[in-house]
Every structure is written in structure tokens, then in C-alpha cells.
Protein backbone atom coordinates (compact mmCIF):
# COMPACT_ATOMS: atom_id res chain seq x y z
CA MET A 1 23.66 3.61 8.17
CA ASN A 2 21.37 2.19 9.71
CA ILE A 3 17.39 2.10 9.05
CA ASP A 4 15.74 3.97 11.70
CA THR A 5 12.42 4.87 9.46
CA VAL A 6 10.26 2.14 8.04
CA LEU A 7 6.88 3.72 5.86
CA PHE A 8 4.28 0.86 4.28
CA ASP A 9 2.24 0.62 1.97
CA LEU A 10 -1.47 -1.10 2.98
CA ASP A 11 -3.43 -2.95 1.38
CA GLY A 12 -1.93 -6.00 0.05
CA THR A 13 1.82 -5.07 2.17
CA LEU A 14 -0.21 -4.89 5.36
CA ILE A 15 -3.58 -6.18 5.18
CA ASP A 16 -4.88 -8.67 2.89
CA THR A 17 -6.60 -6.70 0.89
CA ASN A 18 -6.79 -8.50 -2.17
CA GLN A 19 -9.60 -10.22 -3.04
CA LEU A 20 -11.75 -6.89 -1.75
CA ILE A 21 -10.20 -4.91 -4.40
CA ILE A 22 -10.47 -7.44 -6.68
CA ASP A 23 -14.36 -7.73 -6.05
CA SER A 24 -15.52 -4.25 -5.66
CA PHE A 25 -13.82 -3.73 -9.34
CA LYS A 26 -16.59 -6.81 -10.20
CA TYR A 27 -19.19 -5.36 -8.34
CA THR A 28 -18.53 -2.40 -10.65
CA PHE A 29 -18.14 -3.62 -14.01
CA ASP A 30 -21.20 -5.90 -13.37
CA HIS A 31 -23.10 -3.04 -12.56
CA TYR A 32 -21.57 -1.28 -16.59
CA GLN A 33 -21.63 -4.41 -18.08
CA LEU A 34 -18.11 -3.86 -19.28
CA SER A 35 -16.40 -7.22 -18.97
CA PHE A 36 -12.33 -8.30 -17.30
CA THR A 37 -10.74 -11.49 -16.86
CA GLU A 38 -9.50 -11.53 -13.25
CA GLU A 39 -5.72 -11.12 -14.18
CA GLU A 40 -6.83 -8.07 -15.56
CA ILE A 41 -8.69 -6.47 -12.28
CA ILE A 42 -5.26 -7.35 -10.57
CA GLU A 43 -3.74 -5.48 -12.67
CA PHE A 44 -5.40 -2.30 -11.55
CA ASN A 45 -4.47 -2.74 -7.96
CA GLY A 46 -2.05 -0.73 -6.97
CA PRO A 47 -2.52 3.23 -9.49
CA PRO A 48 -5.37 5.55 -7.38
CA LEU A 49 -8.70 4.74 -9.18
CA ILE A 50 -9.01 8.10 -10.83
CA ASP A 51 -6.48 7.08 -12.44
CA THR A 52 -8.16 3.64 -13.53
CA PHE A 53 -11.51 4.42 -13.82
CA HIS A 54 -9.84 7.83 -16.00
CA LYS A 55 -8.50 4.18 -18.23
CA ILE A 56 -11.59 3.10 -18.41
CA ASP A 57 -14.18 5.71 -19.49
CA PRO A 58 -13.24 8.91 -18.78
CA GLU A 59 -16.76 10.23 -19.38
CA ARG A 60 -18.09 8.12 -15.82
CA VAL A 61 -14.37 8.46 -14.07
CA ASP A 62 -16.75 10.38 -10.15
CA GLU A 63 -19.77 7.47 -11.05
CA MET A 64 -17.38 4.48 -11.15
CA ILE A 65 -15.53 5.21 -7.92
CA ALA A 66 -18.54 6.37 -6.05
CA LYS A 67 -20.00 2.21 -7.19
CA TYR A 68 -16.52 1.16 -6.66
CA ARG A 69 -15.83 2.32 -3.35
CA GLU A 70 -20.08 0.91 -2.62
CA HIS A 71 -18.86 -2.18 -3.17
CA ASN A 72 -15.05 -2.32 -1.42
CA ILE A 73 -17.06 -0.13 2.35
CA THR A 74 -19.61 -2.12 2.60
CA GLU A 75 -18.12 -5.50 2.40
CA HIS A 76 -14.91 -4.30 4.01
CA ASP A 77 -14.69 -6.70 7.02
CA LYS A 78 -16.10 -9.58 5.53
CA TYR A 79 -13.19 -10.08 4.40
CA VAL A 80 -10.16 -7.65 5.56
CA LYS A 81 -6.73 -9.22 7.76
CA ALA A 82 -3.56 -8.87 8.58
CA PHE A 83 -1.08 -10.55 6.87
CA PRO A 84 1.01 -13.06 9.03
CA LEU A 85 3.75 -11.45 11.67
CA VAL A 86 2.43 -8.59 10.56
CA ARG A 87 1.54 -7.10 14.13
CA GLU A 88 4.47 -9.32 16.60
CA THR A 89 6.66 -7.37 13.29
CA LEU A 90 4.96 -4.23 14.11
CA GLU A 91 5.13 -4.64 17.55
CA GLU A 92 9.46 -5.31 17.78
CA LEU A 93 10.13 -2.62 15.72
CA LYS A 94 8.89 0.05 17.90
CA LYS A 95 10.57 -1.60 20.94
CA ASN A 96 12.89 -0.59 19.32
CA ASP A 97 12.15 2.92 18.21
CA ILE A 98 11.88 2.05 14.77
CA ARG A 99 10.08 4.85 13.23
CA LEU A 100 6.90 4.17 11.02
CA ALA A 101 4.12 4.81 8.63
CA ILE A 102 1.49 4.08 6.43
CA VAL A 103 1.63 5.76 2.70
CA THR A 104 -0.83 4.80 1.04
CA THR A 105 -2.78 5.65 -2.53
CA LYS A 106 -6.27 5.30 -0.25
CA MET A 107 -8.36 8.29 0.90
CA LYS A 108 -7.52 8.01 5.13
CA THR A 109 -11.80 7.41 5.56
CA THR A 110 -10.78 3.47 4.64
CA ALA A 111 -6.97 3.70 5.20
CA LEU A 112 -7.94 3.94 8.74
CA LYS A 113 -11.08 2.06 8.89
CA GLY A 114 -8.88 -1.75 7.78
CA LEU A 115 -5.75 0.28 10.28
CA ALA A 116 -8.16 -0.85 12.36
CA LEU A 117 -10.51 -3.92 12.04
CA THR A 118 -6.89 -5.69 12.13
CA GLY A 119 -5.43 -3.99 15.53
CA LEU A 120 -2.72 -2.25 13.23
CA ASP A 121 -3.73 1.56 13.83
CA SER A 122 -2.08 1.74 17.32
CA TYR A 123 1.87 1.66 15.75
CA PHE A 124 2.27 4.06 12.91
CA ASP A 125 3.52 7.46 13.61
CA THR A 126 2.06 9.62 10.65
CA ILE A 127 -0.06 8.10 7.94
CA ILE A 128 0.38 9.73 4.36
CA THR A 129 -3.11 9.30 2.52
CA LEU A 130 -4.22 10.77 -1.22
CA ASP A 131 -5.90 12.90 0.31
CA ASP A 132 -2.38 13.55 1.96
CA VAL A 133 -1.39 13.93 -0.97
CA THR A 134 -1.07 15.88 -5.19
CA HIS A 135 1.06 13.77 -6.78
CA PRO A 136 0.42 9.42 -5.31
CA LYS A 137 2.78 7.28 -6.36
CA PRO A 138 5.09 6.04 -8.02
CA HIS A 139 6.02 10.04 -7.55
CA PRO A 140 8.24 10.92 -4.59
CA GLU A 141 5.74 13.57 -2.33
CA PRO A 142 4.00 10.58 -0.65
CA VAL A 143 6.86 9.63 0.25
CA VAL A 144 8.60 12.99 0.54
CA LYS A 145 5.76 13.99 2.67
CA ALA A 146 5.94 10.52 5.28
CA MET A 147 9.71 12.01 6.66
CA GLN A 148 8.78 15.28 6.50
CA ALA A 149 6.09 14.17 9.01
CA LEU A 150 9.03 11.87 10.76
CA ASP A 151 12.02 14.43 10.15
CA ALA A 152 13.84 11.15 8.38
CA GLU A 153 16.36 10.80 6.47
CA ALA A 154 16.39 8.93 3.63
CA SER A 155 18.85 7.17 3.50
CA ARG A 156 17.76 5.94 7.03
CA THR A 157 14.46 5.42 5.52
CA LEU A 158 13.09 1.97 4.19
CA MET A 159 10.02 2.14 1.62
CA VAL A 160 8.05 -2.36 1.74
CA GLY A 161 4.85 -2.65 -0.36
CA ASP A 162 3.60 -4.62 -2.56
CA ASN A 163 3.54 -3.20 -6.04
CA SER A 164 5.99 -1.46 -8.41
CA HIS A 165 4.68 1.78 -7.52
CA ASP A 166 5.25 1.46 -3.65
CA ILE A 167 9.17 0.92 -5.17
CA GLU A 168 9.16 3.40 -8.17
CA SER A 169 8.05 6.01 -5.36
CA GLY A 170 10.40 5.02 -3.21
CA ASN A 171 13.43 5.36 -5.67
CA ASN A 172 12.31 8.15 -6.47
CA ALA A 173 12.50 9.91 -2.87
CA GLY A 174 15.94 8.67 -2.70
CA VAL A 175 15.20 6.15 -0.60
CA LEU A 176 15.98 2.29 0.00
CA THR A 177 13.43 -0.21 -1.38
CA ALA A 178 11.87 -3.63 0.37
CA GLY A 179 9.68 -5.75 -1.47
CA VAL A 180 7.08 -7.52 -0.45
CA ALA A 181 6.82 -11.97 -2.06
CA TRP A 182 2.86 -11.93 -1.59
CA SER A 183 2.93 -9.05 -3.45
CA ARG A 184 -0.69 -10.78 -5.87
CA LYS A 185 1.04 -9.34 -9.07
CA GLY A 186 4.40 -11.98 -8.58
CA LYS A 187 6.86 -11.63 -6.60
CA GLU A 188 9.27 -11.33 -9.82
CA ARG A 189 7.45 -7.93 -11.23
CA LEU A 190 8.82 -6.64 -8.30
CA LEU A 191 12.16 -7.41 -8.94
CA ALA A 192 12.15 -5.60 -12.04
CA HIS A 193 12.38 -2.53 -10.59
CA HIS A 194 15.40 -3.31 -8.01
CA PRO A 195 14.32 -2.68 -4.84
CA THR A 196 17.17 -2.86 -2.48
CA TYR A 197 15.47 -5.72 -0.70
CA LEU A 198 12.70 -7.85 -1.44
CA LEU A 199 10.88 -9.82 2.13
CA GLU A 200 9.94 -13.47 1.77
CA ASP A 201 8.70 -13.63 5.12
CA MET A 202 7.35 -9.61 7.30
CA ARG A 203 9.96 -10.51 9.90
CA ASP A 204 13.16 -10.58 7.29
CA LEU A 205 12.32 -6.69 7.86
CA LEU A 206 14.39 -7.17 11.33
CA THR A 207 16.92 -8.82 10.16
CA ILE A 208 17.28 -5.61 7.81
CA VAL A 209 16.93 -2.82 10.41
CA GLY A 210 18.95 -4.68 12.28
CA VAL A 211 16.60 -5.31 15.24
């Protein structure tokens, strides 16, 4: 059965926010005089901020999130760019009537900011963010919500992401999944979660959906 719907994670999948995320965590940890290596910080990329900071200091979650966002929003435009061949691939998918959506653990304001800055905001039929769900990825709810918004069938839907949470969320929702080889955590980590496909290059998507 042909794929007619593709759901994308945003950060680390379509847009390169990796260094922005790392530096936003460093900014926060410096403020609170906490010490983490870059390797440890990379592990914090993926889950919602509330979960990460709750594990670090349950008493100061809200203020740590505010401190992180202070840097993340102020410095955003200096860092963020689309990964290679993303725009061209989205263009081709759209031209072939493939329904496209974003499924992210970011808040809507920052997700829209990244899409607008990189010129990708016109390609998506729906955007599901942290603000739209009760249970973020790896729970299936965000993927299911996107499918409902697009009137999509699970067997014809593909979830694409750079993080284990993306693959798990897709698997939990019963859709096909694809990991991206440019994941900051390394493609071997993604393969351990058994995605249906691994994209070495964004254009691999065109072959997978048959356009």
C-alpha cells in the first residue's frame, strides 16, 4: 500500500537546531552552576524540557525552562537552518499530493519560528506541537492527532525523526517509521528502535513514497 502521508519531527530532522539546543542547555547549566559534558547534554535532546529538568532539579523546573528559553529564543535566528535537500524534497512530495505534517515536542511559537526562518512553513497541512497534546512522544497521541487532522490511515502514514522518541511514537501509533542518518545521537541508536526505513539522504523519502 502506498504512503500518502508523511509526518516529520522538526528539530534535528528538518531543521538543524542541534547547536542551539546544546548552547541553550549550557547557558542554563552555567546559570545554576551545574556541570554536564557535551555528550551528556546531547542526551537531553528529544524529550520535553519539563521531563529533562525535572530529573535534574524538581524544585526549579519552571525557572530552568524559562532560563533555557531565554537563550533559545533570543539566539534562535543566529543558529537555525534547514538540513540539505529538505526544501527540495518537501517541494517534490507536495507536488505529488503527499500530505505533510510536523509532529514536535516544541511549543507552537518556537516551532513556527523555526519553520518561518527556514522558509518551510508553507509545506505543512498541520502542525502538532507540545501545546496540542496531553502526552508527548514517545506516546502515540501526537502521531494519532496528526493523522486525525489529515484523515490519514496508519498503514499509509510514515513518521520521520532523528530521535528514539520519534520512532517509538510512530511504532506505538502503528505507522511506518523512518530514522535519519544525520541524527546527532548517531544512526545506530535509531536502528536499535527498529524503524521501517533509515534515510541516508532526505531524497531517499522520494523513493520510499514512490514519487
